[in-house]
C-alpha atoms as a PDB file:
ATOM      1  CA  MET A   1     -44.116  -0.156   3.731  1.00  0.00           C
ATOM      2  CA  VAL A   2     -42.678  -0.964   0.282  1.00  0.00           C
ATOM      3  CA  ASP A   3     -42.050  -4.541  -0.842  1.00  0.00           C
ATOM      4  CA  LEU A   4     -39.643  -5.274  -3.675  1.00  0.00           C
ATOM      5  CA  VAL A   5     -39.628  -8.627  -5.396  1.00  0.00           C
ATOM      6  CA  LEU A   6     -36.932  -9.446  -7.943  1.00  0.00           C
ATOM      7  CA  VAL A   7     -38.049 -11.747 -10.707  1.00  0.00           C
ATOM      8  CA  GLY A   8     -35.470 -12.977 -13.187  1.00  0.00           C
ATOM      9  CA  LEU A   9     -33.957  -9.956 -14.890  1.00  0.00           C
ATOM     10  CA  GLY A  10     -36.893  -7.649 -14.073  1.00  0.00           C
ATOM     11  CA  ALA A  11     -38.507  -6.413 -10.916  1.00  0.00           C
ATOM     12  CA  ALA A  12     -42.037  -5.889  -9.657  1.00  0.00           C
ATOM     13  CA  LEU A  13     -42.777  -3.189  -7.119  1.00  0.00           C
ATOM     14  CA  TRP A  14     -45.937  -2.780  -5.138  1.00  0.00           C
ATOM     15  CA  MET A  15     -46.978  -0.681  -2.181  1.00  0.00           C
ATOM     16  CA  GLY A  16     -48.320  -1.787   1.161  1.00  0.00           C
ATOM     17  CA  SER A  17     -48.043  -5.104   2.926  1.00  0.00           C
ATOM     18  CA  ASP A  18     -51.826  -5.226   3.563  1.00  0.00           C
ATOM     19  CA  SER A  19     -52.751  -5.327  -0.098  1.00  0.00           C
ATOM     20  CA  ALA A  20     -52.836  -8.416  -2.244  1.00  0.00           C
ATOM     21  CA  PRO A  21     -49.618  -9.078  -4.124  1.00  0.00           C
ATOM     22  CA  ALA A  22     -49.396  -7.392  -7.499  1.00  0.00           C
ATOM     23  CA  PRO A  23     -48.996  -9.529 -10.580  1.00  0.00           C
ATOM     24  CA  VAL A  24     -45.422 -10.557 -11.294  1.00  0.00           C
ATOM     25  CA  VAL A  25     -43.791  -8.393 -13.925  1.00  0.00           C
ATOM     26  CA  SER A  26     -40.585  -9.504 -15.568  1.00  0.00           C
ATOM     27  CA  GLU A  27     -38.422  -7.979 -18.255  1.00  0.00           C
ATOM     28  CA  PRO A  28     -38.743  -9.874 -21.503  1.00  0.00           C
ATOM     29  CA  LEU A  29     -35.567 -11.681 -22.479  1.00  0.00           C
ATOM     30  CA  GLY A  30     -36.084 -11.020 -26.167  1.00  0.00           C
ATOM     31  CA  SER A  31     -34.824 -12.841 -29.191  1.00  0.00           C
ATOM     32  CA  GLU A  32     -31.539 -14.602 -29.763  1.00  0.00           C
ATOM     33  CA  GLU A  33     -30.253 -11.440 -31.458  1.00  0.00           C
ATOM     34  CA  ASP A  34     -31.302  -9.276 -28.475  1.00  0.00           C
ATOM     35  CA  LEU A  35     -29.470 -11.586 -26.094  1.00  0.00           C
ATOM     36  CA  LEU A  36     -26.399 -11.610 -28.339  1.00  0.00           C
ATOM     37  CA  GLY A  37     -26.430  -7.803 -28.475  1.00  0.00           C
ATOM     38  CA  ARG A  38     -26.425  -7.634 -24.682  1.00  0.00           C
ATOM     39  CA  LEU A  39     -23.591 -10.160 -24.599  1.00  0.00           C
ATOM     40  CA  ARG A  40     -21.547  -8.050 -27.049  1.00  0.00           C
ATOM     41  CA  ASP A  41     -22.150  -4.983 -24.873  1.00  0.00           C
ATOM     42  CA  GLU A  42     -21.033  -6.699 -21.660  1.00  0.00           C
ATOM     43  CA  VAL A  43     -18.132  -8.917 -22.726  1.00  0.00           C
ATOM     44  CA  ASP A  44     -15.354  -6.334 -22.284  1.00  0.00           C
ATOM     45  CA  ARG A  45     -16.783  -4.241 -19.454  1.00  0.00           C
ATOM     46  CA  ASN A  46     -18.439  -6.936 -17.334  1.00  0.00           C
ATOM     47  CA  PRO A  47     -17.129 -10.404 -18.303  1.00  0.00           C
ATOM     48  CA  ALA A  48     -18.848 -12.166 -15.390  1.00  0.00           C
ATOM     49  CA  GLN A  49     -22.226 -10.866 -16.601  1.00  0.00           C
ATOM     50  CA  ALA A  50     -21.264 -11.845 -20.146  1.00  0.00           C
ATOM     51  CA  LEU A  51     -20.702 -15.431 -19.004  1.00  0.00           C
ATOM     52  CA  GLU A  52     -24.184 -15.489 -17.492  1.00  0.00           C
ATOM     53  CA  LEU A  53     -25.669 -14.123 -20.717  1.00  0.00           C
ATOM     54  CA  ALA A  54     -23.780 -16.715 -22.773  1.00  0.00           C
ATOM     55  CA  ALA A  55     -25.106 -19.495 -20.532  1.00  0.00           C
ATOM     56  CA  GLU A  56     -28.630 -18.112 -20.889  1.00  0.00           C
ATOM     57  CA  GLY A  57     -28.196 -18.004 -24.651  1.00  0.00           C
ATOM     58  CA  GLU A  58     -27.061 -21.628 -24.682  1.00  0.00           C
ATOM     59  CA  ARG A  59     -30.101 -22.641 -22.595  1.00  0.00           C
ATOM     60  CA  ARG A  60     -32.590 -20.712 -24.728  1.00  0.00           C
ATOM     61  CA  HIS A  61     -31.025 -21.131 -28.189  1.00  0.00           C
ATOM     62  CA  PRO A  62     -28.676 -24.157 -28.126  1.00  0.00           C
ATOM     63  CA  GLY A  63     -28.599 -24.599 -31.892  1.00  0.00           C
ATOM     64  CA  GLY A  64     -29.214 -20.981 -32.791  1.00  0.00           C
ATOM     65  CA  ARG A  65     -27.746 -19.379 -35.848  1.00  0.00           C
ATOM     66  CA  SER A  66     -25.483 -17.172 -33.681  1.00  0.00           C
ATOM     67  CA  ALA A  67     -24.202 -19.985 -31.454  1.00  0.00           C
ATOM     68  CA  ASP A  68     -20.661 -19.785 -32.830  1.00  0.00           C
ATOM     69  CA  GLU A  69     -20.404 -16.045 -32.155  1.00  0.00           C
ATOM     70  CA  ARG A  70     -21.883 -16.556 -28.690  1.00  0.00           C
ATOM     71  CA  GLU A  71     -19.145 -19.114 -27.986  1.00  0.00           C
ATOM     72  CA  LEU A  72     -16.443 -16.711 -29.184  1.00  0.00           C
ATOM     73  CA  LEU A  73     -17.788 -14.027 -26.845  1.00  0.00           C
ATOM     74  CA  ARG A  74     -17.895 -16.533 -23.992  1.00  0.00           C
ATOM     75  CA  MET A  75     -14.226 -17.347 -24.587  1.00  0.00           C
ATOM     76  CA  ARG A  76     -13.401 -13.631 -24.608  1.00  0.00           C
ATOM     77  CA  ALA A  77     -15.116 -13.244 -21.237  1.00  0.00           C
ATOM     78  CA  LEU A  78     -13.154 -16.212 -19.878  1.00  0.00           C
ATOM     79  CA  VAL A  79      -9.881 -14.625 -21.032  1.00  0.00           C
ATOM     80  CA  HIS A  80     -10.843 -11.316 -19.375  1.00  0.00           C
ATOM     81  CA  LEU A  81     -11.411 -13.233 -16.144  1.00  0.00           C
ATOM     82  CA  GLY A  82      -8.024 -14.960 -16.406  1.00  0.00           C
ATOM     83  CA  GLU A  83      -9.571 -18.359 -17.145  1.00  0.00           C
ATOM     84  CA  ILE A  84      -7.168 -19.071 -20.001  1.00  0.00           C
ATOM     85  CA  SER A  85      -7.225 -22.861 -19.755  1.00  0.00           C
ATOM     86  CA  ALA A  86     -11.044 -22.857 -19.753  1.00  0.00           C
ATOM     87  CA  ALA A  87     -11.018 -20.623 -22.840  1.00  0.00           C
ATOM     88  CA  ARG A  88      -8.570 -22.977 -24.589  1.00  0.00           C
ATOM     89  CA  GLU A  89     -10.748 -25.993 -23.749  1.00  0.00           C
ATOM     90  CA  ALA A  90     -13.783 -24.132 -25.085  1.00  0.00           C
ATOM     91  CA  ALA A  91     -11.817 -23.372 -28.265  1.00  0.00           C
ATOM     92  CA  ALA A  92     -11.145 -27.083 -28.830  1.00  0.00           C
ATOM     93  CA  ARG A  93     -14.886 -27.775 -28.511  1.00  0.00           C
ATOM     94  CA  PHE A  94     -15.634 -24.783 -30.745  1.00  0.00           C
ATOM     95  CA  PHE A  95     -13.562 -26.192 -33.601  1.00  0.00           C
ATOM     96  CA  GLU A  96     -15.265 -29.570 -33.254  1.00  0.00           C
ATOM     97  CA  ARG A  97     -18.754 -28.049 -33.336  1.00  0.00           C
ATOM     98  CA  TYR A  98     -18.137 -25.246 -35.840  1.00  0.00           C
ATOM     99  CA  PRO A  99     -15.277 -26.315 -38.138  1.00  0.00           C
ATOM    100  CA  ASN A 100     -16.266 -23.817 -40.867  1.00  0.00           C
ATOM    101  CA  SER A 101     -17.216 -20.870 -38.673  1.00  0.00           C
ATOM    102  CA  PRO A 102     -16.149 -17.436 -39.865  1.00  0.00           C
ATOM    103  CA  PHE A 103     -15.207 -16.769 -36.217  1.00  0.00           C
ATOM    104  CA  GLY A 104     -12.529 -19.486 -36.259  1.00  0.00           C
ATOM    105  CA  PRO A 105      -9.605 -17.108 -36.922  1.00  0.00           C
ATOM    106  CA  GLN A 106     -10.677 -14.893 -34.001  1.00  0.00           C
ATOM    107  CA  VAL A 107     -10.897 -17.938 -31.718  1.00  0.00           C
ATOM    108  CA  SER A 108      -7.386 -18.939 -32.812  1.00  0.00           C
ATOM    109  CA  ARG A 109      -5.965 -15.475 -32.133  1.00  0.00           C
ATOM    110  CA  LEU A 110      -7.706 -15.296 -28.768  1.00  0.00           C
ATOM    111  CA  THR A 111      -6.745 -18.729 -27.456  1.00  0.00           C
ATOM    112  CA  GLY A 112      -3.808 -19.922 -29.522  1.00  0.00           C
ATOM    113  CA  ARG A 113      -5.809 -23.013 -30.486  1.00  0.00           C
ATOM    114  CA  ARG A 114      -6.044 -24.064 -34.089  1.00  0.00           C
ATOM    115  CA  PRO A 115      -8.595 -26.332 -35.730  1.00  0.00           C
ATOM    116  CA  ARG A 116      -7.479 -29.890 -36.203  1.00  0.00           C
ATOM    117  CA  PRO A 117      -6.798 -30.728 -39.804  1.00  0.00           C
ATOM    118  CA  ARG A 118      -9.634 -32.775 -41.184  1.00  0.00           C
ATOM    119  CA  PRO A 119      -8.890 -35.841 -43.255  1.00  0.00           C
ATOM    120  CA  PRO A 120      -9.866 -35.530 -46.892  1.00  0.00           C
ATOM    121  CA  PRO A 121     -13.286 -36.934 -47.697  1.00  0.00           C
ATOM    122  CA  THR A 122     -13.348 -40.434 -49.056  1.00  0.00           C
ATOM    123  CA  SER A 123     -15.358 -41.157 -52.164  1.00  0.00           C
ATOM    124  CA  GLY A 124     -15.664 -44.867 -51.569  1.00  0.00           C
ATOM    125  CA  LYS A 125     -13.331 -45.644 -54.476  1.00  0.00           C
ATOM    126  CA  ARG A 126      -9.668 -46.221 -53.953  1.00  0.00           C
ATOM    127  CA  ASN A 127      -7.156 -44.645 -56.213  1.00  0.00           C
ATOM    128  CA  ARG A 128      -4.904 -47.276 -57.675  1.00  0.00           C
ATOM    129  CA  VAL A 129      -1.303 -46.608 -58.329  1.00  0.00           C
ATOM    130  CA  ARG A 130      -0.218 -48.129 -61.638  1.00  0.00           C
END
């Protein structure tokens, strides 16, 4: 008899039900860049899987240096799945979190959302009109 146990993204396989269970073996999830690479690979061919990878990336690397790209890819997956309103809502949050992201123009093209204009910074002094 062969027993198969799925563990996370990997699998462990051992033979015989009379033997003691083999140690659990799981596929390493890798770095933020590894996860992002998998997300890039899946976004157009398997958007549902891409959403899962994006969620995993957010759990493992919430403030990571690739978070803005991960969010763009998540929005692309949502659009592929026909979840346009969810992608537009995500775009609004994107522009709040990443106002200077180089991915902003792509988010705008994808969703039709634009960043809100930011008020000019105040210096604490008022300009007087004379």
